[in-house]
C-alpha atoms as a PDB file:
ATOM      1  CA  UNK A   1     109.958 -90.113 -19.994  1.00  0.00           C
ATOM      2  CA  UNK A   2     109.525 -92.822 -16.584  1.00  0.00           C
ATOM      3  CA  UNK A   3     106.709 -90.848 -15.059  1.00  0.00           C
ATOM      4  CA  UNK A   4     106.773 -92.779 -11.873  1.00  0.00           C
ATOM      5  CA  UNK A   5     109.304 -89.900 -10.789  1.00  0.00           C
ATOM      6  CA  UNK A   6     106.705 -87.852 -10.591  1.00  0.00           C
ATOM      7  CA  UNK A   7     104.145 -90.487  -8.616  1.00  0.00           C
ATOM      8  CA  UNK A   8     104.189 -90.914  -5.017  1.00  0.00           C
ATOM      9  CA  UNK A   9     103.464 -94.492  -5.407  1.00  0.00           C
ATOM     10  CA  UNK A  10     104.081 -96.991  -7.937  1.00  0.00           C
ATOM     11  CA  UNK A  11     100.458 -98.119 -10.294  1.00  0.00           C
ATOM     12  CA  UNK A  12     101.533-101.585  -8.487  1.00  0.00           C
ATOM     13  CA  UNK A  13     101.578 -99.599  -5.415  1.00  0.00           C
ATOM     14  CA  UNK A  14      98.295 -98.039  -5.736  1.00  0.00           C
ATOM     15  CA  UNK A  15      96.734-101.256  -7.209  1.00  0.00           C
ATOM     16  CA  UNK A  16      98.048-103.288  -4.004  1.00  0.00           C
ATOM     17  CA  UNK A  17      96.316-100.353  -1.752  1.00  0.00           C
ATOM     18  CA  UNK A  18      92.724-100.645  -3.318  1.00  0.00           C
ATOM     19  CA  UNK A  19      92.771-104.459  -3.237  1.00  0.00           C
ATOM     20  CA  UNK A  20      93.417-103.431   0.569  1.00  0.00           C
ATOM     21  CA  UNK A  21      91.084-100.749   1.222  1.00  0.00           C
ATOM     22  CA  UNK A  22      88.485-102.664  -0.133  1.00  0.00           C
ATOM     23  CA  UNK A  23      89.173-106.159   1.646  1.00  0.00           C
ATOM     24  CA  UNK A  24      89.480-103.853   4.499  1.00  0.00           C
ATOM     25  CA  UNK A  25      85.915-102.479   3.991  1.00  0.00           C
ATOM     26  CA  UNK A  26      84.558-105.700   3.395  1.00  0.00           C
ATOM     27  CA  UNK A  27      85.196-106.794   6.783  1.00  0.00           C
ATOM     28  CA  UNK A  28      84.243-104.336   8.385  1.00  0.00           C
ATOM     29  CA  UNK A  29      81.005-104.971   7.317  1.00  0.00           C
ATOM     30  CA  UNK A  30      81.648-108.634   8.069  1.00  0.00           C
ATOM     31  CA  UNK A  31      80.791-109.696   4.695  1.00  0.00           C
ATOM     32  CA  UNK A  32      82.568-112.770   3.269  1.00  0.00           C
ATOM     33  CA  UNK A  33      83.576-112.855  -0.176  1.00  0.00           C
ATOM     34  CA  UNK A  34      80.517-114.785  -0.810  1.00  0.00           C
ATOM     35  CA  UNK A  35      78.565-112.341   0.562  1.00  0.00           C
ATOM     36  CA  UNK A  36      80.536-109.242  -1.328  1.00  0.00           C
ATOM     37  CA  UNK A  37      79.947-111.604  -4.514  1.00  0.00           C
ATOM     38  CA  UNK A  38      75.965-111.409  -3.934  1.00  0.00           C
ATOM     39  CA  UNK A  39      76.035-107.494  -2.998  1.00  0.00           C
ATOM     40  CA  UNK A  40      78.540-106.911  -6.366  1.00  0.00           C
ATOM     41  CA  UNK A  41      77.579-108.997  -8.831  1.00  0.00           C
ATOM     42  CA  UNK A  42      81.766-110.157  -8.856  1.00  0.00           C
ATOM     43  CA  UNK A  43      82.167-114.264  -8.746  1.00  0.00           C
ATOM     44  CA  UNK A  44      84.164-114.932  -5.301  1.00  0.00           C
ATOM     45  CA  UNK A  45      87.118-116.383  -6.935  1.00  0.00           C
ATOM     46  CA  UNK A  46      87.259-113.114  -8.988  1.00  0.00           C
ATOM     47  CA  UNK A  47      87.370-110.923  -5.213  1.00  0.00           C
ATOM     48  CA  UNK A  48      90.027-113.744  -2.988  1.00  0.00           C
ATOM     49  CA  UNK A  49      92.250-112.753  -6.629  1.00  0.00           C
ATOM     50  CA  UNK A  50      92.055-109.571  -6.370  1.00  0.00           C
ATOM     51  CA  UNK A  51      92.615-109.908  -2.453  1.00  0.00           C
ATOM     52  CA  UNK A  52      95.755-111.737  -3.247  1.00  0.00           C
ATOM     53  CA  UNK A  53      97.284-110.508  -6.100  1.00  0.00           C
ATOM     54  CA  UNK A  54      95.742-106.844  -6.779  1.00  0.00           C
ATOM     55  CA  UNK A  55      94.267-108.692 -10.510  1.00  0.00           C
ATOM     56  CA  UNK A  56      91.164-107.743 -11.341  1.00  0.00           C
ATOM     57  CA  UNK A  57      89.105-105.918 -14.560  1.00  0.00           C
ATOM     58  CA  UNK A  58      88.249-102.424 -14.754  1.00  0.00           C
ATOM     59  CA  UNK A  59      84.435-103.285 -14.713  1.00  0.00           C
ATOM     60  CA  UNK A  60      84.785-105.489 -11.608  1.00  0.00           C
ATOM     61  CA  UNK A  61      86.457-102.843  -9.961  1.00  0.00           C
ATOM     62  CA  UNK A  62      83.750-100.649 -10.037  1.00  0.00           C
ATOM     63  CA  UNK A  63      81.186-103.156  -9.178  1.00  0.00           C
ATOM     64  CA  UNK A  64      82.807-103.749  -6.588  1.00  0.00           C
ATOM     65  CA  UNK A  65      83.102-100.125  -5.482  1.00  0.00           C
ATOM     66  CA  UNK A  66      79.663 -99.987  -5.660  1.00  0.00           C
ATOM     67  CA  UNK A  67      78.839-101.361  -2.353  1.00  0.00           C
ATOM     68  CA  UNK A  68      82.474-100.877  -0.775  1.00  0.00           C
ATOM     69  CA  UNK A  69      83.583 -97.626  -1.904  1.00  0.00           C
ATOM     70  CA  UNK A  70      82.180 -95.019  -3.918  1.00  0.00           C
ATOM     71  CA  UNK A  71      81.537 -95.105  -7.347  1.00  0.00           C
ATOM     72  CA  UNK A  72      81.504 -91.145  -7.622  1.00  0.00           C
ATOM     73  CA  UNK A  73      84.948 -90.531  -6.558  1.00  0.00           C
ATOM     74  CA  UNK A  74      85.727 -93.334  -9.549  1.00  0.00           C
ATOM     75  CA  UNK A  75      84.285 -91.679 -11.966  1.00  0.00           C
ATOM     76  CA  UNK A  76      85.724 -88.267 -11.140  1.00  0.00           C
ATOM     77  CA  UNK A  77      88.993 -89.504 -12.086  1.00  0.00           C
ATOM     78  CA  UNK A  78      88.538 -88.033 -15.211  1.00  0.00           C
ATOM     79  CA  UNK A  79      86.129 -85.038 -14.978  1.00  0.00           C
ATOM     80  CA  UNK A  80      84.755 -83.296 -17.992  1.00  0.00           C
ATOM     81  CA  UNK A  81      87.274 -80.610 -19.177  1.00  0.00           C
ATOM     82  CA  UNK A  82      85.914 -77.174 -18.509  1.00  0.00           C
ATOM     83  CA  UNK A  83      86.139 -74.024 -20.943  1.00  0.00           C
ATOM     84  CA  UNK A  84      90.038 -73.022 -22.036  1.00  0.00           C
ATOM     85  CA  UNK A  85      89.298 -70.070 -23.190  1.00  0.00           C
ATOM     86  CA  UNK A  86      86.983 -66.649 -22.946  1.00  0.00           C
ATOM     87  CA  UNK A  87      85.175 -67.517 -26.269  1.00  0.00           C
ATOM     88  CA  UNK A  88      84.770 -71.114 -25.382  1.00  0.00           C
ATOM     89  CA  UNK A  89      83.284 -69.882 -21.780  1.00  0.00           C
ATOM     90  CA  UNK A  90      81.007 -66.808 -23.734  1.00  0.00           C
ATOM     91  CA  UNK A  91      79.765 -70.309 -25.824  1.00  0.00           C
ATOM     92  CA  UNK A  92      78.838 -72.041 -22.587  1.00  0.00           C
ATOM     93  CA  UNK A  93      77.173 -69.918 -20.874  1.00  0.00           C
ATOM     94  CA  UNK A  94      75.266 -68.351 -24.339  1.00  0.00           C
ATOM     95  CA  UNK A  95      74.025 -72.321 -24.555  1.00  0.00           C
ATOM     96  CA  UNK A  96      72.752 -72.080 -21.271  1.00  0.00           C
END
C-alpha cells in the first residue's frame, strides 16, 4: 500500500521543507553556518549539506532544532499513548 496517498507531502518534500525552514531561521538570526555550528554542535559542512540536499542524521537534526526550532515539538511527534480501555484508565488513576 502506498502511504503517500494519505499524505499532503511526500517524505522528500517534508525533508526539503524542514531544511528550508531551519535555513530561514538561521538567517533571520543573522547566523553564519559557522555560528550555527557553534550554537548547535553540528559541523558547518553538515549544515551546508542539510541546507542544500536535506540530508542529515536524526541526531544532528535534533541538535539544530535546539537553537533554531522547537525540540519539544520534535519530541511530541510520538506522544505516550493514553489508556485504551476503562480498566487501563482506572488503573492509571489508582496508581497516582
